Amino acid sequence: MYAFSLFYCLLMYQIRQKLTSAFISTLRPQLLIHPTTTTLTSNRNMSASGSYNVVHDPAGQQFYLDIEGERAKLEYTLKDGVYDLYHTFTPTSCRGKGIAKVLAYNAFDHVVLSGGKMKLTCSYLLHLHEKEQNPKYIPHVYGESL
């Protein structure tokens, strides 16, 4: 059973890597047009209203999305290739819809694509990482390795 689980995890990791590569190739033209702000549409944890439009603002060192007239955000600092993901905020009226998780995975994916490391100072992000243990992110968490 363990061998099957390990095989399944590795297979899913390889599939995700290929999908990520395809996703990067679709982002490149957009990055050339808007070099300071990257907009990612996330299908993770979609609500009834559709997908979330997550924006990465490198100058403001945050990922955010506007929903129901309010802004949810994940803030970070960057030093020597290490992203300190220190704060997530979801407006009270928007909580319980998976918005923080959408922001988290967009930030995690960004760190992986940039080849950096992430320090999970935010308690929510640390809990999410420990709960899900996604093999894609483990090598990029500061202080962890496979």
Protein backbone atom coordinates (compact mmCIF):
# COMPACT_ATOMS: atom_id res chain seq x y z
CA MET A 1 0.00 0.00 0.00
CA TYR A 2 2.82 2.39 0.89
CA ALA A 3 4.60 1.71 -2.43
CA PHE A 4 1.39 2.44 -4.33
CA SER A 5 0.90 5.71 -2.41
CA LEU A 6 4.47 6.75 -3.11
CA PHE A 7 4.10 5.85 -6.79
CA TYR A 8 0.84 7.80 -7.00
CA CYS A 9 2.42 10.87 -5.35
CA LEU A 10 5.38 10.80 -7.72
CA LEU A 11 3.11 10.36 -10.73
CA MET A 12 0.92 13.29 -9.67
CA TYR A 13 4.04 15.39 -9.05
CA GLN A 14 5.31 14.68 -12.59
CA ILE A 15 1.92 15.52 -14.09
CA ARG A 16 1.78 18.75 -12.13
CA GLN A 17 5.29 19.67 -13.28
CA LYS A 18 4.23 19.24 -16.91
CA LEU A 19 1.09 21.29 -16.35
CA THR A 20 3.14 23.97 -14.61
CA SER A 21 5.50 24.13 -17.61
CA ALA A 22 2.53 24.57 -19.92
CA PHE A 23 1.13 27.23 -17.60
CA ILE A 24 4.43 29.17 -17.62
CA SER A 25 4.47 29.28 -21.40
CA THR A 26 1.01 30.87 -21.37
CA LEU A 27 2.09 33.46 -18.79
CA ARG A 28 5.18 34.75 -20.58
CA PRO A 29 3.41 37.11 -23.01
CA GLN A 30 1.44 38.59 -20.13
CA LEU A 31 4.60 39.15 -18.10
CA LEU A 32 6.12 41.08 -20.99
CA ILE A 33 3.08 43.35 -21.17
CA HIS A 34 2.80 43.92 -17.40
CA PRO A 35 6.27 43.38 -15.89
CA THR A 36 5.36 44.63 -12.39
CA THR A 37 2.02 42.90 -11.89
CA THR A 38 1.25 39.29 -12.72
CA THR A 39 -2.37 38.20 -12.80
CA LEU A 40 -3.09 34.52 -12.29
CA THR A 41 -6.51 32.99 -12.58
CA SER A 42 -6.92 30.25 -10.04
CA ASN A 43 -9.33 27.35 -10.33
CA ARG A 44 -8.43 26.15 -6.84
CA ASN A 45 -11.39 26.09 -4.49
CA MET A 46 -13.69 27.92 -6.88
CA SER A 47 -16.79 29.49 -5.44
CA ALA A 48 -20.17 29.48 -7.11
CA SER A 49 -19.24 32.79 -8.75
CA GLY A 50 -16.33 31.25 -10.67
CA SER A 51 -12.56 31.44 -10.47
CA TYR A 52 -10.55 33.94 -8.47
CA ASN A 53 -8.25 36.44 -10.17
CA VAL A 54 -5.09 36.50 -8.02
CA VAL A 55 -2.71 39.39 -8.62
CA HIS A 56 0.98 39.29 -7.68
CA ASP A 57 2.29 42.75 -6.87
CA PRO A 58 6.09 42.42 -6.49
CA ALA A 59 6.53 46.13 -5.65
CA GLY A 60 4.01 45.82 -2.82
CA GLN A 61 5.33 42.36 -1.92
CA GLN A 62 1.91 40.78 -1.85
CA PHE A 63 -0.53 38.51 -3.61
CA TYR A 64 -4.09 39.75 -3.51
CA LEU A 65 -7.54 39.35 -4.91
CA ASP A 66 -10.58 41.56 -4.76
CA ILE A 67 -13.80 39.78 -3.93
CA GLU A 68 -17.18 41.15 -2.96
CA GLY A 69 -15.72 44.67 -2.92
CA GLU A 70 -13.00 43.78 -0.42
CA ARG A 71 -9.36 42.74 -0.68
CA ALA A 72 -7.84 39.51 0.59
CA LYS A 73 -4.05 39.38 0.63
CA LEU A 74 -0.93 37.42 1.41
CA GLU A 75 2.08 39.57 2.32
CA TYR A 76 5.74 38.64 2.12
CA THR A 77 9.26 39.99 2.21
CA LEU A 78 12.03 38.82 -0.10
CA LYS A 79 15.68 38.65 0.88
CA ASP A 80 18.43 36.59 -0.78
CA GLY A 81 15.94 34.39 -2.63
CA VAL A 82 13.95 33.57 0.52
CA TYR A 83 10.31 34.64 0.57
CA ASP A 84 9.15 35.21 4.14
CA LEU A 85 5.40 34.60 3.81
CA TYR A 86 4.38 36.33 7.02
CA HIS A 87 0.72 37.35 6.80
CA THR A 88 -2.58 36.35 5.21
CA PHE A 89 -5.75 38.36 5.55
CA THR A 90 -9.27 37.55 4.38
CA PRO A 91 -12.09 40.02 5.07
CA THR A 92 -14.62 38.72 7.59
CA SER A 93 -17.42 38.62 5.03
CA CYS A 94 -15.32 36.40 2.73
CA ARG A 95 -14.01 33.85 5.23
CA GLY A 96 -14.71 30.15 4.91
CA LYS A 97 -14.63 30.17 1.10
CA GLY A 98 -11.08 28.91 0.62
CA ILE A 99 -9.72 32.31 -0.40
CA ALA A 100 -6.66 32.16 1.88
CA LYS A 101 -5.85 28.74 0.42
CA VAL A 102 -6.08 30.12 -3.12
CA LEU A 103 -3.67 32.93 -2.19
CA ALA A 104 -1.36 30.45 -0.45
CA TYR A 105 -1.08 28.11 -3.42
CA ASN A 106 -0.52 30.98 -5.83
CA ALA A 107 2.31 32.24 -3.60
CA PHE A 108 3.75 28.72 -3.19
CA ASP A 109 3.64 28.18 -6.96
CA HIS A 110 5.38 31.50 -7.54
CA VAL A 111 8.20 30.55 -5.17
CA VAL A 112 8.63 27.18 -6.92
CA LEU A 113 8.65 28.78 -10.38
CA SER A 114 11.18 31.40 -9.28
CA GLY A 115 13.46 28.71 -7.82
CA GLY A 116 13.41 30.38 -4.41
CA LYS A 117 12.76 29.22 -0.87
CA MET A 118 9.84 30.12 1.36
CA LYS A 119 9.80 30.74 5.08
CA LEU A 120 6.32 30.10 6.46
CA THR A 121 6.08 32.66 9.26
CA CYS A 122 2.28 32.96 8.94
CA SER A 123 0.64 30.36 11.19
CA TYR A 124 -2.10 29.65 8.62
CA LEU A 125 0.43 28.95 5.86
CA LEU A 126 2.53 26.75 8.14
CA HIS A 127 -0.56 24.77 9.18
CA LEU A 128 -1.66 24.37 5.54
CA HIS A 129 1.78 23.14 4.51
CA GLU A 130 2.05 20.70 7.42
CA LYS A 131 -1.46 19.38 6.78
CA GLU A 132 -1.10 18.83 3.03
CA GLN A 133 2.63 18.00 2.71
CA ASN A 134 2.67 18.59 -1.04
CA PRO A 135 5.94 17.10 -2.40
CA LYS A 136 6.16 19.95 -4.91
CA TYR A 137 6.61 22.51 -2.13
CA ILE A 138 8.67 20.60 0.47
CA PRO A 139 12.08 21.26 -1.17
CA HIS A 140 11.25 24.97 -1.31
CA VAL A 141 10.32 25.40 2.35
CA TYR A 142 13.20 27.03 4.19
CA GLY A 143 14.71 24.47 6.56
CA GLU A 144 13.06 21.39 5.00
CA SER A 145 14.21 18.83 2.48
CA LEU A 146 12.92 15.56 1.03
